[in-house]
Amino acid sequence: MLKNIFALCLCLILIAGALSAVQAAEKTPEQVVDACYAWYFKNSPVADGKGQDAGKNDFRKTFSQVKELFQPDLYSMLSIVFAKVNAMKSWKDNDMDLIDAQPFNPTQVLLKKYAIGNAEIKGVKATVPVTLTLERGKKVIRIVELTKKDGVWRISDFFWPDQKGSGFSTELKEMLKKKKLI
């Protein structure tokens, strides 16, 4: 009898743990995009009126912290790029194609803040607009595309609002192939 009660308790604990893991994985598209930009802002220079913090440009080094937010193919391509940039010895010998190959801030201007818009969901695809406020107040919009697989939303691409055709991930893949990195 005591063994049965112990086994039942163990089963209930395992089920509760599995349910909480599933619930944690069930983020909305907006929550996934917000988590991505919160990480980016934490690890990037931000226009805060105090000047650029050169030591706060670690997003390429800390990218693994947000691996679960990205579809595997996009994560893999960005990891290749970020590893190459991190390995550069000097900015004099840099490869601007690689340095610029990051989708979070598609401008050369520091960001002040971001705002996540409402997702538009169509089946297993969703798009979430992100309004990026630049250093001098100008705003630009970036569209983040997500794909739902096995019940989990993950970032699969980035677009400009009026962009037709392929997005950032296709351009990145073509650039990596041209450089023989994939």
Protein backbone atom coordinates (compact mmCIF):
# COMPACT_ATOMS: atom_id res chain seq x y z
CA MET A 1 0.00 0.00 0.00
CA LEU A 2 2.80 2.43 0.96
CA LYS A 3 4.62 1.58 -2.28
CA ASN A 4 1.46 2.37 -4.27
CA ILE A 5 1.02 5.74 -2.56
CA PHE A 6 4.69 6.56 -3.15
CA ALA A 7 4.39 5.57 -6.82
CA LEU A 8 1.23 7.68 -7.20
CA CYS A 9 2.91 10.71 -5.61
CA LEU A 10 5.92 10.27 -7.87
CA CYS A 11 3.67 10.10 -10.93
CA LEU A 12 1.81 13.25 -9.88
CA ILE A 13 5.08 15.12 -9.38
CA LEU A 14 6.31 14.05 -12.83
CA ILE A 15 3.02 15.05 -14.48
CA ALA A 16 3.04 18.43 -12.73
CA GLY A 17 6.61 19.04 -13.90
CA ALA A 18 5.76 18.07 -17.46
CA LEU A 19 2.72 20.37 -17.45
CA SER A 20 4.71 23.32 -16.17
CA ALA A 21 7.35 22.71 -18.86
CA VAL A 22 4.65 22.65 -21.54
CA GLN A 23 3.06 25.81 -20.16
CA ALA A 24 6.44 27.57 -20.12
CA ALA A 25 6.99 26.60 -23.76
CA GLU A 26 3.59 27.96 -24.81
CA LYS A 27 4.65 31.57 -25.24
CA THR A 28 2.67 33.78 -27.57
CA PRO A 29 4.42 35.17 -30.66
CA GLU A 30 4.53 38.59 -28.96
CA GLN A 31 6.19 37.10 -25.87
CA VAL A 32 8.84 35.37 -27.99
CA VAL A 33 9.66 38.57 -29.88
CA ASP A 34 9.67 40.60 -26.65
CA ALA A 35 12.09 38.11 -25.06
CA CYS A 36 14.37 38.44 -28.10
CA TYR A 37 14.45 42.23 -28.02
CA ALA A 38 14.78 42.35 -24.22
CA TRP A 39 17.90 40.17 -24.58
CA TYR A 40 19.20 42.32 -27.46
CA PHE A 41 18.75 45.56 -25.51
CA LYS A 42 20.43 44.07 -22.45
CA ASN A 43 23.48 43.06 -24.52
CA SER A 44 23.81 45.97 -26.96
CA PRO A 45 24.76 49.63 -26.90
CA VAL A 46 21.59 51.64 -26.34
CA ALA A 47 21.10 55.38 -26.82
CA ASP A 48 20.54 56.41 -23.22
CA GLY A 49 21.94 59.94 -23.32
CA LYS A 50 25.14 58.78 -21.61
CA GLY A 51 26.99 57.76 -24.75
CA GLN A 52 27.69 54.36 -26.19
CA ASP A 53 28.83 51.76 -23.69
CA ALA A 54 31.48 49.90 -25.67
CA GLY A 55 31.51 47.08 -23.14
CA LYS A 56 27.84 46.48 -23.72
CA ASN A 57 28.11 45.11 -27.24
CA ASP A 58 27.96 41.45 -26.33
CA PHE A 59 24.90 40.28 -28.22
CA ARG A 60 27.03 38.21 -30.59
CA LYS A 61 28.76 36.54 -27.61
CA THR A 62 25.56 35.88 -25.64
CA PHE A 63 23.41 34.69 -28.55
CA SER A 64 23.21 31.16 -27.15
CA GLN A 65 21.07 32.55 -24.31
CA VAL A 66 18.16 32.95 -26.74
CA LYS A 67 18.63 29.80 -28.80
CA GLU A 68 15.16 28.50 -27.93
CA LEU A 69 13.55 31.62 -29.46
CA PHE A 70 14.80 30.83 -32.99
CA GLN A 71 14.07 28.22 -35.60
CA PRO A 72 17.16 25.96 -35.81
CA ASP A 73 18.19 26.98 -39.35
CA LEU A 74 18.14 30.72 -38.59
CA TYR A 75 19.88 30.17 -35.24
CA SER A 76 22.59 28.11 -36.95
CA MET A 77 23.26 30.73 -39.64
CA LEU A 78 23.40 33.58 -37.13
CA SER A 79 25.71 31.52 -34.89
CA ILE A 80 28.13 31.09 -37.80
CA VAL A 81 28.15 34.83 -38.47
CA PHE A 82 28.50 35.81 -34.82
CA ALA A 83 31.35 33.33 -34.27
CA LYS A 84 33.23 34.77 -37.26
CA VAL A 85 32.75 38.35 -36.04
CA ASN A 86 33.80 37.40 -32.50
CA ALA A 87 36.99 35.82 -33.89
CA MET A 88 38.04 38.96 -35.79
CA LYS A 89 41.34 40.21 -34.39
CA SER A 90 40.94 43.79 -35.53
CA TRP A 91 38.20 46.00 -36.92
CA LYS A 92 40.71 47.01 -39.63
CA ASP A 93 40.52 43.51 -41.08
CA ASN A 94 36.79 43.28 -40.71
CA ASP A 95 34.23 41.93 -43.10
CA MET A 96 31.40 44.43 -43.12
CA ASP A 97 28.99 41.91 -44.65
CA LEU A 98 29.43 39.73 -41.58
CA ILE A 99 29.39 42.61 -39.10
CA ASP A 100 26.17 43.99 -40.59
CA ALA A 101 24.54 40.55 -40.74
CA GLN A 102 22.33 40.88 -37.70
CA PRO A 103 18.58 41.35 -37.93
CA PHE A 104 17.76 43.00 -34.60
CA ASN A 105 18.77 46.59 -35.43
CA PRO A 106 18.86 46.97 -39.21
CA THR A 107 20.23 50.52 -38.97
CA GLN A 108 23.63 51.98 -38.14
CA VAL A 109 22.03 54.11 -35.42
CA LEU A 110 21.77 53.30 -31.71
CA LEU A 111 18.33 52.33 -30.48
CA LYS A 112 16.51 54.05 -27.62
CA LYS A 113 13.63 51.63 -27.13
CA TYR A 114 11.38 49.12 -28.80
CA ALA A 115 7.67 48.36 -28.73
CA ILE A 116 6.09 45.04 -29.64
CA GLY A 117 2.88 45.18 -31.69
CA ASN A 118 0.06 42.65 -31.96
CA ALA A 119 0.69 39.39 -33.76
CA GLU A 120 -1.12 38.47 -36.92
CA ILE A 121 -1.50 34.70 -36.84
CA LYS A 122 -2.29 32.58 -39.91
CA GLY A 123 -2.10 28.89 -39.09
CA VAL A 124 1.46 28.01 -38.11
CA LYS A 125 2.87 31.39 -39.21
CA ALA A 126 2.72 34.66 -37.31
CA THR A 127 4.13 38.13 -37.87
CA VAL A 128 4.83 40.61 -35.11
CA PRO A 129 5.69 44.26 -35.81
CA VAL A 130 8.44 45.80 -33.69
CA THR A 131 8.71 49.58 -33.56
CA LEU A 132 12.32 50.59 -33.01
CA THR A 133 12.92 54.13 -31.76
CA LEU A 134 16.30 55.36 -32.95
CA GLU A 135 18.72 57.59 -31.07
CA ARG A 136 17.27 60.87 -32.39
CA GLY A 137 13.64 59.82 -32.10
CA LYS A 138 12.95 58.50 -35.61
CA LYS A 139 10.96 55.26 -35.62
CA VAL A 140 11.35 52.30 -37.93
CA ILE A 141 9.33 49.12 -38.03
CA ARG A 142 10.76 45.63 -38.32
CA ILE A 143 8.48 42.67 -38.96
CA VAL A 144 9.43 39.46 -37.18
CA GLU A 145 8.08 36.22 -38.62
CA LEU A 146 7.54 33.21 -36.39
CA THR A 147 6.72 29.61 -37.19
CA LYS A 148 4.93 27.26 -34.81
CA LYS A 149 6.31 23.74 -34.64
CA ASP A 150 5.43 21.14 -32.01
CA GLY A 151 3.33 23.77 -30.26
CA VAL A 152 6.20 26.25 -29.85
CA TRP A 153 6.54 29.62 -31.61
CA ARG A 154 10.06 30.41 -32.83
CA ILE A 155 11.50 33.29 -34.85
CA SER A 156 12.05 32.26 -38.46
CA ASP A 157 12.72 35.54 -40.30
CA PHE A 158 12.83 39.35 -40.26
CA PHE A 159 11.33 41.73 -42.85
CA TRP A 160 10.77 45.41 -43.53
CA PRO A 161 7.04 46.28 -43.67
CA ASP A 162 7.06 46.93 -47.44
CA GLN A 163 9.56 44.19 -48.29
CA LYS A 164 8.43 41.84 -51.04
CA GLY A 165 9.82 38.39 -51.56
CA SER A 166 12.58 36.91 -49.46
CA GLY A 167 13.49 38.12 -46.02
CA PHE A 168 16.64 38.45 -43.95
CA SER A 169 17.19 34.67 -43.59
CA THR A 170 17.29 34.10 -47.37
CA GLU A 171 19.72 36.98 -47.83
CA LEU A 172 21.84 35.66 -44.97
CA LYS A 173 21.90 32.15 -46.43
CA GLU A 174 22.97 33.49 -49.84
CA MET A 175 25.75 35.58 -48.28
CA LEU A 176 27.02 32.62 -46.22
CA LYS A 177 27.03 30.37 -49.31
CA LYS A 178 28.90 33.02 -51.30
CA LYS A 179 31.53 33.20 -48.54
CA LYS A 180 31.61 29.38 -48.42
CA LEU A 181 30.62 29.32 -44.75
CA ILE A 182 27.77 26.85 -45.28
